[in-house]
Amino acid sequence: MTNLADERPSWTFLTNHAHVLLCIAGDPGIRGRDIALQVGITERAAQRIIADLEEAGYLSHVRVGRRNRYNVHPDAHLRHPMDADRPVTQLLALLGGPAPRRPRRENRG
């Protein structure tokens, strides 16, 4: 019987924050439970990461019924000084994730 922990690499190139952002960019209506399963973290950790991403300006959400619908802010810039000139859209494009849709503006005519 193999242990799942034995099959996991000791490190990865992307952080859990990047993985959560990719999950949300791919499915803006995704539940925290599903993010946690995909990333391999607890639901509570997923919630903390979502809060971090919102606080840093990478995400916002609206309540739709009993669920959240997330908006990725594509023009938000990456945090590391080496990447600070690059918007999050470039990261998502590099990793093959969908480009975040810009929220529709209401017609005020």
PDB file of N, CA and C in Angstrom:
ATOM      1  N   MET A   1       0.849  -1.170   0.000  1.00  0.00           N
ATOM      2  CA  MET A   1       0.000   0.000   0.000  1.00  0.00           C
ATOM      3  C   MET A   1       0.897   1.237   0.000  1.00  0.00           C
ATOM      4  N   THR A   2       0.700   2.137  -0.963  1.00  0.00           N
ATOM      5  CA  THR A   2       1.533   3.326  -1.049  1.00  0.00           C
ATOM      6  C   THR A   2       0.895   4.469  -0.285  1.00  0.00           C
ATOM      7  N   ASN A   3       1.735   5.263   0.276  1.00  0.00           N
ATOM      8  CA  ASN A   3       1.301   6.431   1.027  1.00  0.00           C
ATOM      9  C   ASN A   3       1.274   7.619   0.072  1.00  0.00           C
ATOM     10  N   LEU A   4       0.155   8.359   0.035  1.00  0.00           N
ATOM     11  CA  LEU A   4       0.024   9.500  -0.856  1.00  0.00           C
ATOM     12  C   LEU A   4       1.107  10.532  -0.591  1.00  0.00           C
ATOM     13  N   ALA A   5       1.501  10.714   0.652  1.00  0.00           N
ATOM     14  CA  ALA A   5       2.549  11.682   0.984  1.00  0.00           C
ATOM     15  C   ALA A   5       3.866  11.287   0.331  1.00  0.00           C
ATOM     16  N   ASP A   6       4.116   9.995   0.142  1.00  0.00           N
ATOM     17  CA  ASP A   6       5.342   9.540  -0.506  1.00  0.00           C
ATOM     18  C   ASP A   6       5.354   9.891  -1.994  1.00  0.00           C
ATOM     19  N   GLU A   7       4.189  10.012  -2.594  1.00  0.00           N
ATOM     20  CA  GLU A   7       4.091  10.308  -4.019  1.00  0.00           C
ATOM     21  C   GLU A   7       4.176  11.795  -4.315  1.00  0.00           C
ATOM     22  N   ARG A   8       3.997  12.635  -3.341  1.00  0.00           N
ATOM     23  CA  ARG A   8       4.032  14.081  -3.535  1.00  0.00           C
ATOM     24  C   ARG A   8       5.465  14.580  -3.584  1.00  0.00           C
ATOM     25  N   PRO A   9       5.765  15.501  -4.497  1.00  0.00           N
ATOM     26  CA  PRO A   9       7.108  16.071  -4.518  1.00  0.00           C
ATOM     27  C   PRO A   9       7.345  16.937  -3.279  1.00  0.00           C
ATOM     28  N   SER A  10       8.591  17.093  -2.912  1.00  0.00           N
ATOM     29  CA  SER A  10       8.902  17.873  -1.711  1.00  0.00           C
ATOM     30  C   SER A  10       8.756  19.372  -1.944  1.00  0.00           C
ATOM     31  N   TRP A  11       8.761  19.804  -3.204  1.00  0.00           N
ATOM     32  CA  TRP A  11       8.550  21.227  -3.514  1.00  0.00           C
ATOM     33  C   TRP A  11       7.966  21.338  -4.916  1.00  0.00           C
ATOM     34  N   THR A  12       7.358  22.479  -5.204  1.00  0.00           N
ATOM     35  CA  THR A  12       6.810  22.746  -6.534  1.00  0.00           C
ATOM     36  C   THR A  12       7.192  24.157  -6.940  1.00  0.00           C
ATOM     37  N   PHE A  13       7.066  24.457  -8.215  1.00  0.00           N
ATOM     38  CA  PHE A  13       7.411  25.785  -8.704  1.00  0.00           C
ATOM     39  C   PHE A  13       6.387  26.843  -8.301  1.00  0.00           C
ATOM     40  N   LEU A  14       5.138  26.456  -8.160  1.00  0.00           N
ATOM     41  CA  LEU A  14       4.085  27.421  -7.856  1.00  0.00           C
ATOM     42  C   LEU A  14       3.637  27.305  -6.413  1.00  0.00           C
ATOM     43  N   THR A  15       3.256  28.417  -5.845  1.00  0.00           N
ATOM     44  CA  THR A  15       2.741  28.440  -4.484  1.00  0.00           C
ATOM     45  C   THR A  15       1.273  28.021  -4.469  1.00  0.00           C
ATOM     46  N   ASN A  16       0.773  27.766  -3.291  1.00  0.00           N
ATOM     47  CA  ASN A  16      -0.659  27.486  -3.151  1.00  0.00           C
ATOM     48  C   ASN A  16      -1.490  28.688  -3.577  1.00  0.00           C
ATOM     49  N   HIS A  17      -0.973  29.903  -3.350  1.00  0.00           N
ATOM     50  CA  HIS A  17      -1.696  31.095  -3.784  1.00  0.00           C
ATOM     51  C   HIS A  17      -1.879  31.092  -5.305  1.00  0.00           C
ATOM     52  N   ALA A  18      -0.833  30.734  -6.031  1.00  0.00           N
ATOM     53  CA  ALA A  18      -0.935  30.674  -7.490  1.00  0.00           C
ATOM     54  C   ALA A  18      -1.920  29.594  -7.916  1.00  0.00           C
ATOM     55  N   HIS A  19      -1.868  28.457  -7.250  1.00  0.00           N
ATOM     56  CA  HIS A  19      -2.796  27.381  -7.602  1.00  0.00           C
ATOM     57  C   HIS A  19      -4.249  27.776  -7.335  1.00  0.00           C
ATOM     58  N   VAL A  20      -4.504  28.443  -6.232  1.00  0.00           N
ATOM     59  CA  VAL A  20      -5.870  28.894  -5.932  1.00  0.00           C
ATOM     60  C   VAL A  20      -6.325  29.900  -6.982  1.00  0.00           C
ATOM     61  N   LEU A  21      -5.453  30.824  -7.357  1.00  0.00           N
ATOM     62  CA  LEU A  21      -5.794  31.810  -8.380  1.00  0.00           C
ATOM     63  C   LEU A  21      -6.112  31.123  -9.704  1.00  0.00           C
ATOM     64  N   LEU A  22      -5.337  30.115 -10.064  1.00  0.00           N
ATOM     65  CA  LEU A  22      -5.607  29.370 -11.296  1.00  0.00           C
ATOM     66  C   LEU A  22      -6.957  28.664 -11.240  1.00  0.00           C
ATOM     67  N   CYS A  23      -7.287  28.075 -10.110  1.00  0.00           N
ATOM     68  CA  CYS A  23      -8.591  27.411  -9.955  1.00  0.00           C
ATOM     69  C   CYS A  23      -9.725  28.407 -10.160  1.00  0.00           C
ATOM     70  N   ILE A  24      -9.588  29.562  -9.554  1.00  0.00           N
ATOM     71  CA  ILE A  24     -10.652  30.572  -9.643  1.00  0.00           C
ATOM     72  C   ILE A  24     -10.740  31.151 -11.045  1.00  0.00           C
ATOM     73  N   ALA A  25      -9.597  31.372 -11.694  1.00  0.00           N
ATOM     74  CA  ALA A  25      -9.618  31.879 -13.072  1.00  0.00           C
ATOM     75  C   ALA A  25     -10.297  30.879 -13.998  1.00  0.00           C
ATOM     76  N   GLY A  26     -10.108  29.602 -13.725  1.00  0.00           N
ATOM     77  CA  GLY A  26     -10.719  28.561 -14.548  1.00  0.00           C
ATOM     78  C   GLY A  26     -12.198  28.371 -14.299  1.00  0.00           C
ATOM     79  N   ASP A  27     -12.639  28.680 -13.087  1.00  0.00           N
ATOM     80  CA  ASP A  27     -14.045  28.499 -12.716  1.00  0.00           C
ATOM     81  C   ASP A  27     -14.408  29.534 -11.659  1.00  0.00           C
ATOM     82  N   PRO A  28     -14.878  30.708 -12.074  1.00  0.00           N
ATOM     83  CA  PRO A  28     -15.171  31.784 -11.119  1.00  0.00           C
ATOM     84  C   PRO A  28     -16.239  31.440 -10.082  1.00  0.00           C
ATOM     85  N   GLY A  29     -17.002  30.394 -10.305  1.00  0.00           N
ATOM     86  CA  GLY A  29     -18.029  29.989  -9.351  1.00  0.00           C
ATOM     87  C   GLY A  29     -17.597  28.817  -8.487  1.00  0.00           C
ATOM     88  N   ILE A  30     -16.334  28.462  -8.520  1.00  0.00           N
ATOM     89  CA  ILE A  30     -15.841  27.297  -7.798  1.00  0.00           C
ATOM     90  C   ILE A  30     -16.027  27.456  -6.288  1.00  0.00           C
ATOM     91  N   ARG A  31     -16.316  26.353  -5.629  1.00  0.00           N
ATOM     92  CA  ARG A  31     -16.481  26.366  -4.167  1.00  0.00           C
ATOM     93  C   ARG A  31     -15.128  26.191  -3.495  1.00  0.00           C
ATOM     94  N   GLY A  32     -15.001  26.733  -2.294  1.00  0.00           N
ATOM     95  CA  GLY A  32     -13.779  26.598  -1.519  1.00  0.00           C
ATOM     96  C   GLY A  32     -13.392  25.148  -1.305  1.00  0.00           C
ATOM     97  N   ARG A  33     -14.380  24.303  -1.096  1.00  0.00           N
ATOM     98  CA  ARG A  33     -14.127  22.869  -0.902  1.00  0.00           C
ATOM     99  C   ARG A  33     -13.457  22.267  -2.136  1.00  0.00           C
ATOM    100  N   ASP A  34     -13.931  22.665  -3.320  1.00  0.00           N
ATOM    101  CA  ASP A  34     -13.362  22.133  -4.555  1.00  0.00           C
ATOM    102  C   ASP A  34     -11.958  22.682  -4.809  1.00  0.00           C
ATOM    103  N   ILE A  35     -11.740  23.937  -4.455  1.00  0.00           N
ATOM    104  CA  ILE A  35     -10.391  24.503  -4.558  1.00  0.00           C
ATOM    105  C   ILE A  35      -9.440  23.707  -3.672  1.00  0.00           C
ATOM    106  N   ALA A  36      -9.862  23.468  -2.446  1.00  0.00           N
ATOM    107  CA  ALA A  36      -9.026  22.736  -1.488  1.00  0.00           C
ATOM    108  C   ALA A  36      -8.665  21.357  -2.028  1.00  0.00           C
ATOM    109  N   LEU A  37      -9.640  20.657  -2.598  1.00  0.00           N
ATOM    110  CA  LEU A  37      -9.376  19.327  -3.153  1.00  0.00           C
ATOM    111  C   LEU A  37      -8.386  19.374  -4.306  1.00  0.00           C
ATOM    112  N   GLN A  38      -8.566  20.342  -5.200  1.00  0.00           N
ATOM    113  CA  GLN A  38      -7.689  20.442  -6.364  1.00  0.00           C
ATOM    114  C   GLN A  38      -6.264  20.819  -5.974  1.00  0.00           C
ATOM    115  N   VAL A  39      -6.125  21.744  -5.032  1.00  0.00           N
ATOM    116  CA  VAL A  39      -4.806  22.231  -4.648  1.00  0.00           C
ATOM    117  C   VAL A  39      -4.122  21.283  -3.664  1.00  0.00           C
ATOM    118  N   GLY A  40      -4.925  20.524  -2.914  1.00  0.00           N
ATOM    119  CA  GLY A  40      -4.358  19.610  -1.931  1.00  0.00           C
ATOM    120  C   GLY A  40      -4.107  20.271  -0.593  1.00  0.00           C
ATOM    121  N   ILE A  41      -5.015  21.180  -0.228  1.00  0.00           N
ATOM    122  CA  ILE A  41      -4.927  21.897   1.044  1.00  0.00           C
ATOM    123  C   ILE A  41      -6.263  21.768   1.763  1.00  0.00           C
ATOM    124  N   THR A  42      -6.329  22.265   2.976  1.00  0.00           N
ATOM    125  CA  THR A  42      -7.593  22.218   3.709  1.00  0.00           C
ATOM    126  C   THR A  42      -8.522  23.331   3.218  1.00  0.00           C
ATOM    127  N   GLU A  43      -9.792  23.166   3.513  1.00  0.00           N
ATOM    128  CA  GLU A  43     -10.759  24.218   3.173  1.00  0.00           C
ATOM    129  C   GLU A  43     -10.416  25.526   3.864  1.00  0.00           C
ATOM    130  N   ARG A  44     -10.004  25.412   5.110  1.00  0.00           N
ATOM    131  CA  ARG A  44      -9.645  26.606   5.872  1.00  0.00           C
ATOM    132  C   ARG A  44      -8.451  27.325   5.231  1.00  0.00           C
ATOM    133  N   ALA A  45      -7.458  26.573   4.768  1.00  0.00           N
ATOM    134  CA  ALA A  45      -6.301  27.175   4.090  1.00  0.00           C
ATOM    135  C   ALA A  45      -6.740  27.840   2.786  1.00  0.00           C
ATOM    136  N   ALA A  46      -7.654  27.202   2.057  1.00  0.00           N
ATOM    137  CA  ALA A  46      -8.167  27.790   0.821  1.00  0.00           C
ATOM    138  C   ALA A  46      -8.873  29.111   1.117  1.00  0.00           C
ATOM    139  N   GLN A  47      -9.669  29.148   2.188  1.00  0.00           N
ATOM    140  CA  GLN A  47     -10.363  30.382   2.562  1.00  0.00           C
ATOM    141  C   GLN A  47      -9.373  31.491   2.919  1.00  0.00           C
ATOM    142  N   ARG A  48      -8.309  31.123   3.641  1.00  0.00           N
ATOM    143  CA  ARG A  48      -7.289  32.132   3.997  1.00  0.00           C
ATOM    144  C   ARG A  48      -6.595  32.676   2.759  1.00  0.00           C
ATOM    145  N   ILE A  49      -6.295  31.794   1.826  1.00  0.00           N
ATOM    146  CA  ILE A  49      -5.623  32.230   0.597  1.00  0.00           C
ATOM    147  C   ILE A  49      -6.536  33.124  -0.221  1.00  0.00           C
ATOM    148  N   ILE A  50      -7.798  32.771  -0.333  1.00  0.00           N
ATOM    149  CA  ILE A  50      -8.758  33.619  -1.053  1.00  0.00           C
ATOM    150  C   ILE A  50      -8.813  34.994  -0.398  1.00  0.00           C
ATOM    151  N   ALA A  51      -8.859  35.036   0.928  1.00  0.00           N
ATOM    152  CA  ALA A  51      -8.868  36.324   1.647  1.00  0.00           C
ATOM    153  C   ALA A  51      -7.586  37.109   1.360  1.00  0.00           C
ATOM    154  N   ASP A  52      -6.439  36.429   1.343  1.00  0.00           N
ATOM    155  CA  ASP A  52      -5.172  37.094   1.004  1.00  0.00           C
ATOM    156  C   ASP A  52      -5.230  37.698  -0.391  1.00  0.00           C
ATOM    157  N   LEU A  53      -5.722  36.920  -1.346  1.00  0.00           N
ATOM    158  CA  LEU A  53      -5.778  37.385  -2.733  1.00  0.00           C
ATOM    159  C   LEU A  53      -6.743  38.562  -2.886  1.00  0.00           C
ATOM    160  N   GLU A  54      -7.842  38.520  -2.138  1.00  0.00           N
ATOM    161  CA  GLU A  54      -8.779  39.648  -2.182  1.00  0.00           C
ATOM    162  C   GLU A  54      -8.156  40.890  -1.552  1.00  0.00           C
ATOM    163  N   GLU A  55      -7.531  40.709  -0.403  1.00  0.00           N
ATOM    164  CA  GLU A  55      -6.919  41.840   0.299  1.00  0.00           C
ATOM    165  C   GLU A  55      -5.817  42.493  -0.543  1.00  0.00           C
ATOM    166  N   ALA A  56      -5.095  41.688  -1.316  1.00  0.00           N
ATOM    167  CA  ALA A  56      -4.006  42.200  -2.150  1.00  0.00           C
ATOM    168  C   ALA A  56      -4.502  42.773  -3.479  1.00  0.00           C
ATOM    169  N   GLY A  57      -5.801  42.639  -3.756  1.00  0.00           N
ATOM    170  CA  GLY A  57      -6.365  43.227  -4.971  1.00  0.00           C
ATOM    171  C   GLY A  57      -6.355  42.338  -6.193  1.00  0.00           C
ATOM    172  N   TYR A  58      -6.102  41.035  -6.021  1.00  0.00           N
ATOM    173  CA  TYR A  58      -6.101  40.115  -7.153  1.00  0.00           C
ATOM    174  C   TYR A  58      -7.484  39.573  -7.462  1.00  0.00           C
ATOM    175  N   LEU A  59      -8.364  39.599  -6.483  1.00  0.00           N
ATOM    176  CA  LEU A  59      -9.714  39.046  -6.619  1.00  0.00           C
ATOM    177  C   LEU A  59     -10.723  39.950  -5.945  1.00  0.00           C
ATOM    178  N   SER A  60     -11.952  39.794  -6.367  1.00  0.00           N
ATOM    179  CA  SER A  60     -13.093  40.305  -5.609  1.00  0.00           C
ATOM    180  C   SER A  60     -14.188  39.262  -5.783  1.00  0.00           C
ATOM    181  N   HIS A  61     -15.235  39.384  -5.012  1.00  0.00           N
ATOM    182  CA  HIS A  61     -16.333  38.433  -5.167  1.00  0.00           C
ATOM    183  C   HIS A  61     -17.663  39.128  -4.968  1.00  0.00           C
ATOM    184  N   VAL A  62     -18.661  38.514  -5.543  1.00  0.00           N
ATOM    185  CA  VAL A  62     -20.047  38.926  -5.324  1.00  0.00           C
ATOM    186  C   VAL A  62     -20.795  37.698  -4.864  1.00  0.00           C
ATOM    187  N   ARG A  63     -21.790  37.926  -4.072  1.00  0.00           N
ATOM    188  CA  ARG A  63     -22.610  36.837  -3.553  1.00  0.00           C
ATOM    189  C   ARG A  63     -23.723  36.570  -4.559  1.00  0.00           C
ATOM    190  N   VAL A  64     -23.862  35.322  -4.975  1.00  0.00           N
ATOM    191  CA  VAL A  64     -24.930  34.916  -5.889  1.00  0.00           C
ATOM    192  C   VAL A  64     -25.673  33.788  -5.189  1.00  0.00           C
ATOM    193  N   GLY A  65     -26.812  34.131  -4.613  1.00  0.00           N
ATOM    194  CA  GLY A  65     -27.533  33.149  -3.806  1.00  0.00           C
ATOM    195  C   GLY A  65     -26.711  32.800  -2.583  1.00  0.00           C
ATOM    196  N   ARG A  66     -26.424  31.522  -2.422  1.00  0.00           N
ATOM    197  CA  ARG A  66     -25.641  31.069  -1.263  1.00  0.00           C
ATOM    198  C   ARG A  66     -24.165  30.902  -1.595  1.00  0.00           C
ATOM    199  N   ARG A  67     -23.777  31.249  -2.811  1.00  0.00           N
ATOM    200  CA  ARG A  67     -22.400  31.014  -3.252  1.00  0.00           C
ATOM    201  C   ARG A  67     -21.714  32.317  -3.628  1.00  0.00           C
ATOM    202  N   ASN A  68     -20.406  32.245  -3.734  1.00  0.00           N
ATOM    203  CA  ASN A  68     -19.613  33.384  -4.195  1.00  0.00           C
ATOM    204  C   ASN A  68     -19.260  33.188  -5.663  1.00  0.00           C
ATOM    205  N   ARG A  69     -19.202  34.281  -6.366  1.00  0.00           N
ATOM    206  CA  ARG A  69     -18.685  34.291  -7.734  1.00  0.00           C
ATOM    207  C   ARG A  69     -17.509  35.257  -7.715  1.00  0.00           C
ATOM    208  N   TYR A  70     -16.352  34.759  -8.139  1.00  0.00           N
ATOM    209  CA  TYR A  70     -15.120  35.529  -8.043  1.00  0.00           C
ATOM    210  C   TYR A  70     -14.802  36.228  -9.351  1.00  0.00           C
ATOM    211  N   ASN A  71     -14.146  37.380  -9.227  1.00  0.00           N
ATOM    212  CA  ASN A  71     -13.622  38.111 -10.370  1.00  0.00           C
ATOM    213  C   ASN A  71     -12.129  38.257 -10.165  1.00  0.00           C
ATOM    214  N   VAL A  72     -11.342  37.782 -11.129  1.00  0.00           N
ATOM    215  CA  VAL A  72      -9.901  37.977 -11.095  1.00  0.00           C
ATOM    216  C   VAL A  72      -9.630  39.343 -11.694  1.00  0.00           C
ATOM    217  N   HIS A  73      -8.785  40.111 -11.056  1.00  0.00           N
ATOM    218  CA  HIS A  73      -8.424  41.442 -11.547  1.00  0.00           C
ATOM    219  C   HIS A  73      -7.171  41.303 -12.414  1.00  0.00           C
ATOM    220  N   PRO A  74      -7.352  41.260 -13.719  1.00  0.00           N
ATOM    221  CA  PRO A  74      -6.260  40.909 -14.630  1.00  0.00           C
ATOM    222  C   PRO A  74      -5.115  41.907 -14.673  1.00  0.00           C
ATOM    223  N   ASP A  75      -5.363  43.141 -14.301  1.00  0.00           N
ATOM    224  CA  ASP A  75      -4.312  44.151 -14.374  1.00  0.00           C
ATOM    225  C   ASP A  75      -3.503  44.275 -13.094  1.00  0.00           C
ATOM    226  N   ALA A  76      -3.865  43.525 -12.052  1.00  0.00           N
ATOM    227  CA  ALA A  76      -3.088  43.549 -10.807  1.00  0.00           C
ATOM    228  C   ALA A  76      -1.701  42.972 -11.103  1.00  0.00           C
ATOM    229  N   HIS A  77      -0.686  43.607 -10.571  1.00  0.00           N
ATOM    230  CA  HIS A  77       0.684  43.186 -10.848  1.00  0.00           C
ATOM    231  C   HIS A  77       1.180  42.188  -9.809  1.00  0.00           C
ATOM    232  N   LEU A  78       2.079  41.326 -10.252  1.00  0.00           N
ATOM    233  CA  LEU A  78       2.666  40.331  -9.370  1.00  0.00           C
ATOM    234  C   LEU A  78       3.465  41.014  -8.273  1.00  0.00           C
ATOM    235  N   ARG A  79       3.679  40.329  -7.180  1.00  0.00           N
ATOM    236  CA  ARG A  79       4.237  40.942  -5.981  1.00  0.00           C
ATOM    237  C   ARG A  79       5.753  40.931  -5.885  1.00  0.00           C
ATOM    238  N   HIS A  80       6.393  39.928  -6.414  1.00  0.00           N
ATOM    239  CA  HIS A  80       7.841  39.821  -6.264  1.00  0.00           C
ATOM    240  C   HIS A  80       8.534  40.927  -7.068  1.00  0.00           C
ATOM    241  N   PRO A  81       9.572  41.557  -6.525  1.00  0.00           N
ATOM    242  CA  PRO A  81      10.246  42.648  -7.244  1.00  0.00           C
ATOM    243  C   PRO A  81      10.716  42.252  -8.656  1.00  0.00           C
ATOM    244  N   MET A  82      11.090  41.004  -8.869  1.00  0.00           N
ATOM    245  CA  MET A  82      11.522  40.582 -10.213  1.00  0.00           C
ATOM    246  C   MET A  82      10.368  40.572 -11.209  1.00  0.00           C
ATOM    247  N   ASP A  83       9.135  40.456 -10.721  1.00  0.00           N
ATOM    248  CA  ASP A  83       7.967  40.307 -11.584  1.00  0.00           C
ATOM    249  C   ASP A  83       6.981  41.455 -11.460  1.00  0.00           C
ATOM    250  N   ALA A  84       7.331  42.481 -10.716  1.00  0.00           N
ATOM    251  CA  ALA A  84       6.374  43.539 -10.388  1.00  0.00           C
ATOM    252  C   ALA A  84       5.871  44.293 -11.613  1.00  0.00           C
ATOM    253  N   ASP A  85       6.563  44.183 -12.733  1.00  0.00           N
ATOM    254  CA  ASP A  85       6.106  44.874 -13.944  1.00  0.00           C
ATOM    255  C   ASP A  85       5.148  44.020 -14.766  1.00  0.00           C
ATOM    256  N   ARG A  86       4.834  42.838 -14.289  1.00  0.00           N
ATOM    257  CA  ARG A  86       3.975  41.912 -15.041  1.00  0.00           C
ATOM    258  C   ARG A  86       2.596  41.771 -14.386  1.00  0.00           C
ATOM    259  N   PRO A  87       1.540  41.890 -15.196  1.00  0.00           N
ATOM    260  CA  PRO A  87       0.193  41.687 -14.647  1.00  0.00           C
ATOM    261  C   PRO A  87      -0.112  40.204 -14.493  1.00  0.00           C
ATOM    262  N   VAL A  88      -1.057  39.906 -13.652  1.00  0.00           N
ATOM    263  CA  VAL A  88      -1.455  38.531 -13.369  1.00  0.00           C
ATOM    264  C   VAL A  88      -1.926  37.818 -14.647  1.00  0.00           C
ATOM    265  N   THR A  89      -2.419  38.560 -15.615  1.00  0.00           N
ATOM    266  CA  THR A  89      -2.844  37.971 -16.882  1.00  0.00           C
ATOM    267  C   THR A  89      -1.701  37.211 -17.541  1.00  0.00           C
ATOM    268  N   GLN A  90      -0.498  37.726 -17.453  1.00  0.00           N
ATOM    269  CA  GLN A  90       0.653  37.040 -18.059  1.00  0.00           C
ATOM    270  C   GLN A  90       0.923  35.713 -17.359  1.00  0.00           C
ATOM    271  N   LEU A  91       0.789  35.681 -16.056  1.00  0.00           N
ATOM    272  CA  LEU A  91       0.979  34.434 -15.320  1.00  0.00           C
ATOM    273  C   LEU A  91      -0.049  33.398 -15.766  1.00  0.00           C
ATOM    274  N   LEU A  92      -1.301  33.810 -15.851  1.00  0.00           N
ATOM    275  CA  LEU A  92      -2.361  32.887 -16.251  1.00  0.00           C
ATOM    276  C   LEU A  92      -2.149  32.396 -17.681  1.00  0.00           C
ATOM    277  N   ALA A  93      -1.717  33.287 -18.571  1.00  0.00           N
ATOM    278  CA  ALA A  93      -1.461  32.894 -19.957  1.00  0.00           C
ATOM    279  C   ALA A  93      -0.294  31.913 -20.029  1.00  0.00           C
ATOM    280  N   LEU A  94       0.744  32.160 -19.267  1.00  0.00           N
ATOM    281  CA  LEU A  94       1.914  31.294 -19.249  1.00  0.00           C
ATOM    282  C   LEU A  94       1.544  29.878 -18.805  1.00  0.00           C
ATOM    283  N   LEU A  95       0.654  29.792 -17.837  1.00  0.00           N
ATOM    284  CA  LEU A  95       0.283  28.500 -17.274  1.00  0.00           C
ATOM    285  C   LEU A  95      -0.907  27.866 -17.982  1.00  0.00           C
ATOM    286  N   GLY A  96      -1.349  28.482 -19.061  1.00  0.00           N
ATOM    287  CA  GLY A  96      -2.425  27.896 -19.843  1.00  0.00           C
ATOM    288  C   GLY A  96      -3.801  28.084 -19.256  1.00  0.00           C
ATOM    289  N   GLY A  97      -3.901  28.940 -18.257  1.00  0.00           N
ATOM    290  CA  GLY A  97      -5.203  29.214 -17.660  1.00  0.00           C
ATOM    291  C   GLY A  97      -5.992  30.175 -18.526  1.00  0.00           C
ATOM    292  N   PRO A  98      -7.280  30.232 -18.333  1.00  0.00           N
ATOM    293  CA  PRO A  98      -8.101  31.155 -19.123  1.00  0.00           C
ATOM    294  C   PRO A  98      -7.812  32.593 -18.727  1.00  0.00           C
ATOM    295  N   ALA A  99      -7.905  33.468 -19.702  1.00  0.00           N
ATOM    296  CA  ALA A  99      -7.750  34.883 -19.409  1.00  0.00           C
ATOM    297  C   ALA A  99      -8.969  35.336 -18.622  1.00  0.00           C
ATOM    298  N   PRO A 100      -8.758  36.053 -17.522  1.00  0.00           N
ATOM    299  CA  PRO A 100      -9.918  36.518 -16.758  1.00  0.00           C
ATOM    300  C   PRO A 100     -10.732  37.503 -17.580  1.00  0.00           C
ATOM    301  N   ARG A 101     -12.040  37.356 -17.472  1.00  0.00           N
ATOM    302  CA  ARG A 101     -12.919  38.289 -18.177  1.00  0.00           C
ATOM    303  C   ARG A 101     -13.047  39.560 -17.359  1.00  0.00           C
ATOM    304  N   ARG A 102     -13.024  40.647 -18.066  1.00  0.00           N
ATOM    305  CA  ARG A 102     -13.233  41.934 -17.393  1.00  0.00           C
ATOM    306  C   ARG A 102     -14.730  42.070 -17.112  1.00  0.00           C
ATOM    307  N   PRO A 103     -15.073  42.580 -15.924  1.00  0.00           N
ATOM    308  CA  PRO A 103     -16.504  42.764 -15.625  1.00  0.00           C
ATOM    309  C   PRO A 103     -17.153  43.686 -16.645  1.00  0.00           C
ATOM    310  N   ARG A 104     -18.377  43.352 -16.999  1.00  0.00           N
ATOM    311  CA  ARG A 104     -19.104  44.197 -17.961  1.00  0.00           C
ATOM    312  C   ARG A 104     -19.436  45.538 -17.326  1.00  0.00           C
ATOM    313  N   ARG A 105     -19.338  46.552 -18.143  1.00  0.00           N
ATOM    314  CA  ARG A 105     -19.747  47.887 -17.681  1.00  0.00           C
ATOM    315  C   ARG A 105     -21.171  48.112 -18.136  1.00  0.00           C
ATOM    316  N   GLU A 106     -21.925  48.719 -17.261  1.00  0.00           N
ATOM    317  CA  GLU A 106     -23.308  48.995 -17.605  1.00  0.00           C
ATOM    318  C   GLU A 106     -23.373  50.097 -18.643  1.00  0.00           C
ATOM    319  N   ASN A 107     -24.301  49.978 -19.560  1.00  0.00           N
ATOM    320  CA  ASN A 107     -24.481  51.001 -20.573  1.00  0.00           C
ATOM    321  C   ASN A 107     -25.180  52.203 -19.946  1.00  0.00           C
ATOM    322  N   ARG A 108     -24.485  53.305 -19.943  1.00  0.00           N
ATOM    323  CA  ARG A 108     -25.049  54.522 -19.302  1.00  0.00           C
ATOM    324  C   ARG A 108     -25.385  55.544 -20.370  1.00  0.00           C
ATOM    325  N   GLY A 109     -26.149  55.140 -21.311  1.00  0.00           N
ATOM    326  CA  GLY A 109     -26.403  56.038 -22.413  1.00  0.00           C
ATOM    327  C   GLY A 109     -27.733  56.523 -22.468  1.00  0.00           C
TER     328      GLY A 109
END
